[in-house]
PDB file of N, CA and C in Angstrom:
ATOM      1  N   MET A   1      14.537   1.205 -21.297  1.00  0.00           N
ATOM      2  CA  MET A   1      13.288   1.470 -20.769  1.00  0.00           C
ATOM      3  C   MET A   1      13.037   2.794 -20.047  1.00  0.00           C
ATOM      4  N   ILE A   2      14.303   3.291 -19.524  1.00  0.00           N
ATOM      5  CA  ILE A   2      14.111   4.586 -18.876  1.00  0.00           C
ATOM      6  C   ILE A   2      13.830   5.748 -19.787  1.00  0.00           C
ATOM      7  N   HIS A   3      13.956   5.612 -21.067  1.00  0.00           N
ATOM      8  CA  HIS A   3      13.465   6.655 -22.039  1.00  0.00           C
ATOM      9  C   HIS A   3      12.009   6.441 -22.521  1.00  0.00           C
ATOM     10  N   GLN A   4      11.440   5.454 -22.090  1.00  0.00           N
ATOM     11  CA  GLN A   4      10.103   5.096 -22.613  1.00  0.00           C
ATOM     12  C   GLN A   4       9.107   6.190 -21.998  1.00  0.00           C
ATOM     13  N   LYS A   5       8.214   6.695 -22.802  1.00  0.00           N
ATOM     14  CA  LYS A   5       7.129   7.625 -22.372  1.00  0.00           C
ATOM     15  C   LYS A   5       6.171   6.945 -21.375  1.00  0.00           C
ATOM     16  N   ILE A   6       5.696   7.662 -20.352  1.00  0.00           N
ATOM     17  CA  ILE A   6       4.782   7.091 -19.360  1.00  0.00           C
ATOM     18  C   ILE A   6       3.569   6.593 -20.065  1.00  0.00           C
ATOM     19  N   LYS A   7       2.991   7.221 -21.035  1.00  0.00           N
ATOM     20  CA  LYS A   7       1.835   6.792 -21.706  1.00  0.00           C
ATOM     21  C   LYS A   7       1.843   5.496 -22.360  1.00  0.00           C
ATOM     22  N   THR A   8       3.071   5.035 -22.673  1.00  0.00           N
ATOM     23  CA  THR A   8       3.308   3.728 -23.248  1.00  0.00           C
ATOM     24  C   THR A   8       3.419   2.593 -22.339  1.00  0.00           C
ATOM     25  N   LEU A   9       3.475   2.880 -20.978  1.00  0.00           N
ATOM     26  CA  LEU A   9       3.655   1.880 -19.898  1.00  0.00           C
ATOM     27  C   LEU A   9       2.345   1.110 -19.675  1.00  0.00           C
ATOM     28  N   SER A  10       2.578  -0.164 -19.180  1.00  0.00           N
ATOM     29  CA  SER A  10       1.331  -0.921 -18.720  1.00  0.00           C
ATOM     30  C   SER A  10       0.765  -0.321 -17.427  1.00  0.00           C
ATOM     31  N   PRO A  11      -0.405  -0.612 -17.032  1.00  0.00           N
ATOM     32  CA  PRO A  11      -0.871  -0.151 -15.792  1.00  0.00           C
ATOM     33  C   PRO A  11       0.022  -0.511 -14.526  1.00  0.00           C
ATOM     34  N   GLY A  12       0.646  -1.659 -14.579  1.00  0.00           N
ATOM     35  CA  GLY A  12       1.497  -2.051 -13.475  1.00  0.00           C
ATOM     36  C   GLY A  12       2.749  -1.210 -13.553  1.00  0.00           C
ATOM     37  N   GLU A  13       3.357  -0.994 -14.729  1.00  0.00           N
ATOM     38  CA  GLU A  13       4.550  -0.215 -14.798  1.00  0.00           C
ATOM     39  C   GLU A  13       4.302   1.187 -14.378  1.00  0.00           C
ATOM     40  N   LYS A  14       3.105   1.746 -14.693  1.00  0.00           N
ATOM     41  CA  LYS A  14       2.709   3.103 -14.250  1.00  0.00           C
ATOM     42  C   LYS A  14       2.485   3.127 -12.806  1.00  0.00           C
ATOM     43  N   ALA A  15       1.965   2.222 -12.253  1.00  0.00           N
ATOM     44  CA  ALA A  15       1.825   2.104 -10.683  1.00  0.00           C
ATOM     45  C   ALA A  15       3.203   2.080 -10.058  1.00  0.00           C
ATOM     46  N   LYS A  16       4.110   1.312 -10.461  1.00  0.00           N
ATOM     47  CA  LYS A  16       5.508   1.180  -9.988  1.00  0.00           C
ATOM     48  C   LYS A  16       6.181   2.457 -10.087  1.00  0.00           C
ATOM     49  N   THR A  17       6.049   3.205 -11.316  1.00  0.00           N
ATOM     50  CA  THR A  17       6.729   4.510 -11.477  1.00  0.00           C
ATOM     51  C   THR A  17       6.218   5.497 -10.500  1.00  0.00           C
ATOM     52  N   SER A  18       4.797   5.528 -10.370  1.00  0.00           N
ATOM     53  CA  SER A  18       4.233   6.522  -9.468  1.00  0.00           C
ATOM     54  C   SER A  18       4.684   6.301  -7.963  1.00  0.00           C
ATOM     55  N   LEU A  19       4.741   4.991  -7.597  1.00  0.00           N
ATOM     56  CA  LEU A  19       5.177   4.592  -6.257  1.00  0.00           C
ATOM     57  C   LEU A  19       6.569   5.008  -5.951  1.00  0.00           C
ATOM     58  N   ALA A  20       7.424   4.715  -6.929  1.00  0.00           N
ATOM     59  CA  ALA A  20       8.913   4.997  -6.794  1.00  0.00           C
ATOM     60  C   ALA A  20       9.039   6.481  -6.628  1.00  0.00           C
ATOM     61  N   LYS A  21       8.343   7.248  -7.454  1.00  0.00           N
ATOM     62  CA  LYS A  21       8.486   8.716  -7.444  1.00  0.00           C
ATOM     63  C   LYS A  21       7.935   9.254  -6.136  1.00  0.00           C
ATOM     64  N   THR A  22       6.913   8.692  -5.584  1.00  0.00           N
ATOM     65  CA  THR A  22       6.305   9.168  -4.303  1.00  0.00           C
ATOM     66  C   THR A  22       7.243   8.811  -3.074  1.00  0.00           C
ATOM     67  N   VAL A  23       7.714   7.546  -3.084  1.00  0.00           N
ATOM     68  CA  VAL A  23       8.557   7.195  -2.027  1.00  0.00           C
ATOM     69  C   VAL A  23       9.905   7.966  -2.077  1.00  0.00           C
ATOM     70  N   LEU A  24      10.436   8.235  -3.153  1.00  0.00           N
ATOM     71  CA  LEU A  24      11.691   9.047  -3.294  1.00  0.00           C
ATOM     72  C   LEU A  24      11.547  10.549  -3.098  1.00  0.00           C
ATOM     73  N   SER A  25      10.286  10.934  -2.975  1.00  0.00           N
ATOM     74  CA  SER A  25      10.020  12.471  -2.902  1.00  0.00           C
ATOM     75  C   SER A  25      10.501  13.098  -1.669  1.00  0.00           C
ATOM     76  N   GLY A  26      10.731  12.206  -0.626  1.00  0.00           N
ATOM     77  CA  GLY A  26      11.134  12.787   0.590  1.00  0.00           C
ATOM     78  C   GLY A  26       9.862  13.272   1.589  1.00  0.00           C
ATOM     79  N   ALA A  27       8.693  12.840   1.098  1.00  0.00           N
ATOM     80  CA  ALA A  27       7.504  13.301   1.848  1.00  0.00           C
ATOM     81  C   ALA A  27       7.501  12.455   3.213  1.00  0.00           C
ATOM     82  N   ASN A  28       6.993  13.183   4.191  1.00  0.00           N
ATOM     83  CA  ASN A  28       6.924  12.430   5.472  1.00  0.00           C
ATOM     84  C   ASN A  28       5.522  11.771   5.689  1.00  0.00           C
ATOM     85  N   THR A  29       4.638  11.837   4.790  1.00  0.00           N
ATOM     86  CA  THR A  29       3.336  11.167   4.903  1.00  0.00           C
ATOM     87  C   THR A  29       3.043  10.687   3.356  1.00  0.00           C
ATOM     88  N   LEU A  30       2.720   9.397   3.333  1.00  0.00           N
ATOM     89  CA  LEU A  30       2.169   8.847   2.105  1.00  0.00           C
ATOM     90  C   LEU A  30       0.750   8.498   2.079  1.00  0.00           C
ATOM     91  N   VAL A  31      -0.043   8.880   1.206  1.00  0.00           N
ATOM     92  CA  VAL A  31      -1.394   8.520   1.131  1.00  0.00           C
ATOM     93  C   VAL A  31      -1.524   7.608  -0.154  1.00  0.00           C
ATOM     94  N   LEU A  32      -1.909   6.352  -0.034  1.00  0.00           N
ATOM     95  CA  LEU A  32      -1.909   5.506  -1.180  1.00  0.00           C
ATOM     96  C   LEU A  32      -3.342   4.877  -1.330  1.00  0.00           C
ATOM     97  N   ASP A  33      -3.828   4.911  -2.455  1.00  0.00           N
ATOM     98  CA  ASP A  33      -5.054   4.292  -2.887  1.00  0.00           C
ATOM     99  C   ASP A  33      -4.860   2.997  -3.615  1.00  0.00           C
ATOM    100  N   GLU A  34      -5.237   1.868  -2.985  1.00  0.00           N
ATOM    101  CA  GLU A  34      -5.013   0.542  -3.627  1.00  0.00           C
ATOM    102  C   GLU A  34      -3.595   0.311  -4.194  1.00  0.00           C
ATOM    103  N   PRO A  35      -2.640   0.562  -3.444  1.00  0.00           N
ATOM    104  CA  PRO A  35      -1.267   0.528  -3.935  1.00  0.00           C
ATOM    105  C   PRO A  35      -0.849  -0.841  -4.556  1.00  0.00           C
ATOM    106  N   THR A  36      -1.452  -1.946  -4.316  1.00  0.00           N
ATOM    107  CA  THR A  36      -1.085  -3.207  -4.879  1.00  0.00           C
ATOM    108  C   THR A  36      -1.853  -3.548  -6.149  1.00  0.00           C
ATOM    109  N   ASN A  37      -2.848  -2.710  -6.542  1.00  0.00           N
ATOM    110  CA  ASN A  37      -3.494  -3.024  -7.784  1.00  0.00           C
ATOM    111  C   ASN A  37      -2.529  -3.041  -8.933  1.00  0.00           C
ATOM    112  N   HIS A  38      -2.732  -3.874  -9.880  1.00  0.00           N
ATOM    113  CA  HIS A  38      -1.859  -4.045 -11.075  1.00  0.00           C
ATOM    114  C   HIS A  38      -0.429  -4.432 -10.838  1.00  0.00           C
ATOM    115  N   LEU A  39      -0.097  -4.882  -9.674  1.00  0.00           N
ATOM    116  CA  LEU A  39       1.225  -5.327  -9.353  1.00  0.00           C
ATOM    117  C   LEU A  39       1.334  -6.849  -9.243  1.00  0.00           C
ATOM    118  N   GLU A  40       2.321  -7.423  -9.829  1.00  0.00           N
ATOM    119  CA  GLU A  40       2.525  -8.893  -9.620  1.00  0.00           C
ATOM    120  C   GLU A  40       3.081  -9.206  -8.372  1.00  0.00           C
ATOM    121  N   VAL A  41       3.149 -10.494  -7.914  1.00  0.00           N
ATOM    122  CA  VAL A  41       3.534 -10.877  -6.608  1.00  0.00           C
ATOM    123  C   VAL A  41       4.871 -10.303  -6.087  1.00  0.00           C
ATOM    124  N   LYS A  42       5.843 -10.401  -6.955  1.00  0.00           N
ATOM    125  CA  LYS A  42       7.164  -9.921  -6.558  1.00  0.00           C
ATOM    126  C   LYS A  42       7.162  -8.456  -6.353  1.00  0.00           C
ATOM    127  N   ALA A  43       6.478  -7.728  -7.165  1.00  0.00           N
ATOM    128  CA  ALA A  43       6.510  -6.249  -7.008  1.00  0.00           C
ATOM    129  C   ALA A  43       5.670  -5.961  -5.649  1.00  0.00           C
ATOM    130  N   ARG A  44       4.720  -6.693  -5.397  1.00  0.00           N
ATOM    131  CA  ARG A  44       3.928  -6.373  -4.122  1.00  0.00           C
ATOM    132  C   ARG A  44       4.879  -6.671  -2.895  1.00  0.00           C
ATOM    133  N   GLU A  45       5.649  -7.716  -2.952  1.00  0.00           N
ATOM    134  CA  GLU A  45       6.638  -8.018  -1.880  1.00  0.00           C
ATOM    135  C   GLU A  45       7.607  -6.907  -1.716  1.00  0.00           C
ATOM    136  N   ILE A  46       8.179  -6.421  -2.770  1.00  0.00           N
ATOM    137  CA  ILE A  46       9.178  -5.334  -2.880  1.00  0.00           C
ATOM    138  C   ILE A  46       8.425  -4.090  -2.301  1.00  0.00           C
ATOM    139  N   LEU A  47       7.315  -3.732  -2.617  1.00  0.00           N
ATOM    140  CA  LEU A  47       6.552  -2.558  -2.118  1.00  0.00           C
ATOM    141  C   LEU A  47       6.316  -2.677  -0.628  1.00  0.00           C
ATOM    142  N   GLU A  48       5.974  -3.881  -0.215  1.00  0.00           N
ATOM    143  CA  GLU A  48       5.725  -4.069   1.263  1.00  0.00           C
ATOM    144  C   GLU A  48       7.107  -3.833   2.064  1.00  0.00           C
ATOM    145  N   GLN A  49       8.170  -4.389   1.544  1.00  0.00           N
ATOM    146  CA  GLN A  49       9.422  -4.247   2.169  1.00  0.00           C
ATOM    147  C   GLN A  49       9.762  -2.715   2.356  1.00  0.00           C
ATOM    148  N   ALA A  50       9.549  -1.927   1.114  1.00  0.00           N
ATOM    149  CA  ALA A  50       9.958  -0.596   1.072  1.00  0.00           C
ATOM    150  C   ALA A  50       9.115   0.257   2.156  1.00  0.00           C
ATOM    151  N   LEU A  51       7.847  -0.064   2.154  1.00  0.00           N
ATOM    152  CA  LEU A  51       6.915   0.659   3.044  1.00  0.00           C
ATOM    153  C   LEU A  51       7.130   0.320   4.494  1.00  0.00           C
ATOM    154  N   LEU A  52       7.621  -0.908   4.780  1.00  0.00           N
ATOM    155  CA  LEU A  52       8.030  -1.281   6.163  1.00  0.00           C
ATOM    156  C   LEU A  52       9.269  -0.452   6.595  1.00  0.00           C
ATOM    157  N   LYS A  53      10.147  -0.174   5.679  1.00  0.00           N
ATOM    158  CA  LYS A  53      11.355   0.716   6.014  1.00  0.00           C
ATOM    159  C   LYS A  53      11.050   2.197   6.012  1.00  0.00           C
ATOM    160  N   TYR A  54       9.971   2.555   5.384  1.00  0.00           N
ATOM    161  CA  TYR A  54       9.578   3.999   5.357  1.00  0.00           C
ATOM    162  C   TYR A  54       9.467   4.630   6.748  1.00  0.00           C
ATOM    163  N   GLN A  55      10.120   5.743   6.942  1.00  0.00           N
ATOM    164  CA  GLN A  55      10.158   6.366   8.282  1.00  0.00           C
ATOM    165  C   GLN A  55       8.887   7.295   8.584  1.00  0.00           C
ATOM    166  N   GLY A  56       8.073   7.678   7.629  1.00  0.00           N
ATOM    167  CA  GLY A  56       7.044   8.607   7.747  1.00  0.00           C
ATOM    168  C   GLY A  56       5.802   7.906   8.085  1.00  0.00           C
ATOM    169  N   SER A  57       4.688   8.590   7.976  1.00  0.00           N
ATOM    170  CA  SER A  57       3.344   8.097   8.175  1.00  0.00           C
ATOM    171  C   SER A  57       2.865   7.583   6.848  1.00  0.00           C
ATOM    172  N   LEU A  58       1.989   6.531   7.016  1.00  0.00           N
ATOM    173  CA  LEU A  58       1.435   5.824   5.839  1.00  0.00           C
ATOM    174  C   LEU A  58      -0.063   5.691   6.005  1.00  0.00           C
ATOM    175  N   ILE A  59      -0.740   6.175   5.119  1.00  0.00           N
ATOM    176  CA  ILE A  59      -2.251   6.005   5.109  1.00  0.00           C
ATOM    177  C   ILE A  59      -2.621   5.388   3.821  1.00  0.00           C
ATOM    178  N   PHE A  60      -3.226   4.228   3.891  1.00  0.00           N
ATOM    179  CA  PHE A  60      -3.636   3.555   2.672  1.00  0.00           C
ATOM    180  C   PHE A  60      -4.963   2.869   2.690  1.00  0.00           C
ATOM    181  N   VAL A  61      -5.601   2.753   1.421  1.00  0.00           N
ATOM    182  CA  VAL A  61      -6.887   2.114   1.273  1.00  0.00           C
ATOM    183  C   VAL A  61      -6.546   0.867   0.521  1.00  0.00           C
ATOM    184  N   SER A  62      -7.048  -0.372   0.959  1.00  0.00           N
ATOM    185  CA  SER A  62      -6.768  -1.549   0.222  1.00  0.00           C
ATOM    186  C   SER A  62      -7.734  -2.555   0.608  1.00  0.00           C
ATOM    187  N   HIS A  63      -8.020  -3.423  -0.401  1.00  0.00           N
ATOM    188  CA  HIS A  63      -8.837  -4.634  -0.131  1.00  0.00           C
ATOM    189  C   HIS A  63      -7.947  -5.852  -0.161  1.00  0.00           C
ATOM    190  N   ASP A  64      -6.653  -5.653  -0.227  1.00  0.00           N
ATOM    191  CA  ASP A  64      -5.608  -6.718  -0.305  1.00  0.00           C
ATOM    192  C   ASP A  64      -5.297  -7.080   1.143  1.00  0.00           C
ATOM    193  N   THR A  65      -6.019  -8.191   1.783  1.00  0.00           N
ATOM    194  CA  THR A  65      -5.855  -8.427   3.128  1.00  0.00           C
ATOM    195  C   THR A  65      -4.446  -8.877   3.521  1.00  0.00           C
ATOM    196  N   ARG A  66      -3.735  -9.575   2.545  1.00  0.00           N
ATOM    197  CA  ARG A  66      -2.269  -9.888   2.906  1.00  0.00           C
ATOM    198  C   ARG A  66      -1.455  -8.647   3.060  1.00  0.00           C
ATOM    199  N   PHE A  67      -1.608  -7.628   2.161  1.00  0.00           N
ATOM    200  CA  PHE A  67      -0.902  -6.377   2.237  1.00  0.00           C
ATOM    201  C   PHE A  67      -1.276  -5.678   3.499  1.00  0.00           C
ATOM    202  N   ILE A  68      -2.485  -5.641   3.912  1.00  0.00           N
ATOM    203  CA  ILE A  68      -2.966  -4.927   5.161  1.00  0.00           C
ATOM    204  C   ILE A  68      -2.272  -5.595   6.299  1.00  0.00           C
ATOM    205  N   LYS A  69      -2.377  -6.955   6.366  1.00  0.00           N
ATOM    206  CA  LYS A  69      -1.782  -7.684   7.488  1.00  0.00           C
ATOM    207  C   LYS A  69      -0.242  -7.379   7.638  1.00  0.00           C
ATOM    208  N   ASN A  70       0.438  -7.377   6.531  1.00  0.00           N
ATOM    209  CA  ASN A  70       1.844  -7.237   6.539  1.00  0.00           C
ATOM    210  C   ASN A  70       2.341  -5.829   6.763  1.00  0.00           C
ATOM    211  N   VAL A  71       1.544  -4.770   6.420  1.00  0.00           N
ATOM    212  CA  VAL A  71       2.055  -3.379   6.441  1.00  0.00           C
ATOM    213  C   VAL A  71       1.458  -2.598   7.497  1.00  0.00           C
ATOM    214  N   SER A  72       0.169  -2.743   7.780  1.00  0.00           N
ATOM    215  CA  SER A  72      -0.511  -1.805   8.746  1.00  0.00           C
ATOM    216  C   SER A  72      -0.123  -2.093  10.231  1.00  0.00           C
ATOM    217  N   THR A  73      -0.211  -0.976  10.988  1.00  0.00           N
ATOM    218  CA  THR A  73      -0.117  -1.022  12.392  1.00  0.00           C
ATOM    219  C   THR A  73      -1.469  -0.901  13.072  1.00  0.00           C
ATOM    220  N   ARG A  74      -2.348  -0.146  12.386  1.00  0.00           N
ATOM    221  CA  ARG A  74      -3.696   0.021  12.826  1.00  0.00           C
ATOM    222  C   ARG A  74      -4.472  -0.072  11.605  1.00  0.00           C
ATOM    223  N   VAL A  75      -5.905  -0.389  11.847  1.00  0.00           N
ATOM    224  CA  VAL A  75      -6.857  -0.580  10.743  1.00  0.00           C
ATOM    225  C   VAL A  75      -8.095   0.211  11.153  1.00  0.00           C
ATOM    226  N   PHE A  76      -8.528   1.119  10.240  1.00  0.00           N
ATOM    227  CA  PHE A  76      -9.757   1.742  10.374  1.00  0.00           C
ATOM    228  C   PHE A  76     -10.709   1.140   9.364  1.00  0.00           C
ATOM    229  N   ASP A  77     -11.771   0.518   9.860  1.00  0.00           N
ATOM    230  CA  ASP A  77     -12.799  -0.145   9.041  1.00  0.00           C
ATOM    231  C   ASP A  77     -13.856   0.937   8.689  1.00  0.00           C
ATOM    232  N   LEU A  78     -13.978   1.250   7.462  1.00  0.00           N
ATOM    233  CA  LEU A  78     -14.957   2.257   6.940  1.00  0.00           C
ATOM    234  C   LEU A  78     -16.362   1.804   7.191  1.00  0.00           C
ATOM    235  N   GLU A  79     -16.648   0.477   7.047  1.00  0.00           N
ATOM    236  CA  GLU A  79     -17.943   0.014   7.207  1.00  0.00           C
ATOM    237  C   GLU A  79     -18.470   0.166   8.638  1.00  0.00           C
ATOM    238  N   SER A  80     -17.713  -0.310   9.573  1.00  0.00           N
ATOM    239  CA  SER A  80     -18.101  -0.134  10.985  1.00  0.00           C
ATOM    240  C   SER A  80     -17.689   1.083  11.597  1.00  0.00           C
ATOM    241  N   LYS A  81     -16.916   1.919  11.016  1.00  0.00           N
ATOM    242  CA  LYS A  81     -16.312   3.163  11.501  1.00  0.00           C
ATOM    243  C   LYS A  81     -15.515   2.927  12.796  1.00  0.00           C
ATOM    244  N   LYS A  82     -14.884   1.846  12.932  1.00  0.00           N
ATOM    245  CA  LYS A  82     -14.069   1.587  14.140  1.00  0.00           C
ATOM    246  C   LYS A  82     -12.620   1.508  13.799  1.00  0.00           C
ATOM    247  N   MET A  83     -11.750   1.927  14.708  1.00  0.00           N
ATOM    248  CA  MET A  83     -10.339   1.820  14.682  1.00  0.00           C
ATOM    249  C   MET A  83      -9.862   0.622  15.488  1.00  0.00           C
ATOM    250  N   TYR A  84      -8.994  -0.118  14.857  1.00  0.00           N
ATOM    251  CA  TYR A  84      -8.463  -1.328  15.484  1.00  0.00           C
ATOM    252  C   TYR A  84      -6.887  -1.200  15.650  1.00  0.00           C
ATOM    253  N   GLU A  85      -6.363  -1.637  16.733  1.00  0.00           N
ATOM    254  CA  GLU A  85      -5.036  -1.498  17.020  1.00  0.00           C
ATOM    255  C   GLU A  85      -4.078  -2.438  16.327  1.00  0.00           C
ATOM    256  N   SER A  86      -4.732  -3.435  15.656  1.00  0.00           N
ATOM    257  CA  SER A  86      -3.895  -4.357  14.740  1.00  0.00           C
ATOM    258  C   SER A  86      -4.834  -5.060  13.777  1.00  0.00           C
ATOM    259  N   TYR A  87      -4.225  -5.610  12.749  1.00  0.00           N
ATOM    260  CA  TYR A  87      -4.979  -6.305  11.750  1.00  0.00           C
ATOM    261  C   TYR A  87      -5.704  -7.491  12.464  1.00  0.00           C
ATOM    262  N   LEU A  88      -5.000  -8.252  13.325  1.00  0.00           N
ATOM    263  CA  LEU A  88      -5.562  -9.312  13.991  1.00  0.00           C
ATOM    264  C   LEU A  88      -6.773  -8.939  14.790  1.00  0.00           C
ATOM    265  N   GLU A  89      -6.794  -7.848  15.504  1.00  0.00           N
ATOM    266  CA  GLU A  89      -7.892  -7.383  16.225  1.00  0.00           C
ATOM    267  C   GLU A  89      -9.114  -7.170  15.346  1.00  0.00           C
ATOM    268  N   TRP A  90      -8.916  -6.495  14.148  1.00  0.00           N
ATOM    269  CA  TRP A  90      -9.867  -6.274  13.185  1.00  0.00           C
ATOM    270  C   TRP A  90     -10.426  -7.692  12.700  1.00  0.00           C
ATOM    271  N   GLU A  91      -9.549  -8.593  12.314  1.00  0.00           N
ATOM    272  CA  GLU A  91      -9.942  -9.820  11.738  1.00  0.00           C
ATOM    273  C   GLU A  91     -10.746 -10.618  12.894  1.00  0.00           C
ATOM    274  N   ASP A  92     -10.436 -10.591  14.050  1.00  0.00           N
ATOM    275  CA  ASP A  92     -11.123 -11.230  15.168  1.00  0.00           C
ATOM    276  C   ASP A  92     -12.592 -10.671  15.248  1.00  0.00           C
ATOM    277  N   ASP A  93     -12.660  -9.283  15.209  1.00  0.00           N
ATOM    278  CA  ASP A  93     -14.002  -8.633  15.291  1.00  0.00           C
ATOM    279  C   ASP A  93     -14.851  -9.024  14.084  1.00  0.00           C
ATOM    280  N   LYS A  94     -14.301  -9.183  13.030  1.00  0.00           N
ATOM    281  CA  LYS A  94     -15.043  -9.535  11.776  1.00  0.00           C
ATOM    282  C   LYS A  94     -15.712 -10.902  11.782  1.00  0.00           C
ATOM    283  N   ARG A  95     -14.954 -11.814  12.543  1.00  0.00           N
ATOM    284  CA  ARG A  95     -15.489 -13.148  12.701  1.00  0.00           C
ATOM    285  C   ARG A  95     -16.674 -13.307  13.576  1.00  0.00           C
ATOM    286  N   THR A  96     -16.765 -12.271  14.502  1.00  0.00           N
ATOM    287  CA  THR A  96     -17.934 -12.310  15.509  1.00  0.00           C
ATOM    288  C   THR A  96     -19.131 -11.618  15.043  1.00  0.00           C
TER     289      THR A  96
END
């Protein structure tokens, strides 16, 4: 599979390839747009673990609340334009 052309990969395989390339690039900041799209459950769990070990800054956009809860340290809500110090703080504010 390592010799397979990128254009022949599934959307999930392309996403995994891009994420692996980005994480291994040595960048000190990662900006990810919907990183869990097209990933199966096991791949999402592996991604979460890799990002939790990542030493740099991480900025991501996601609708995946499980991913947000597991990976984020702060949440910026675009709708309300508020910064929250944790997922739980954001979740509590949404309930009220």
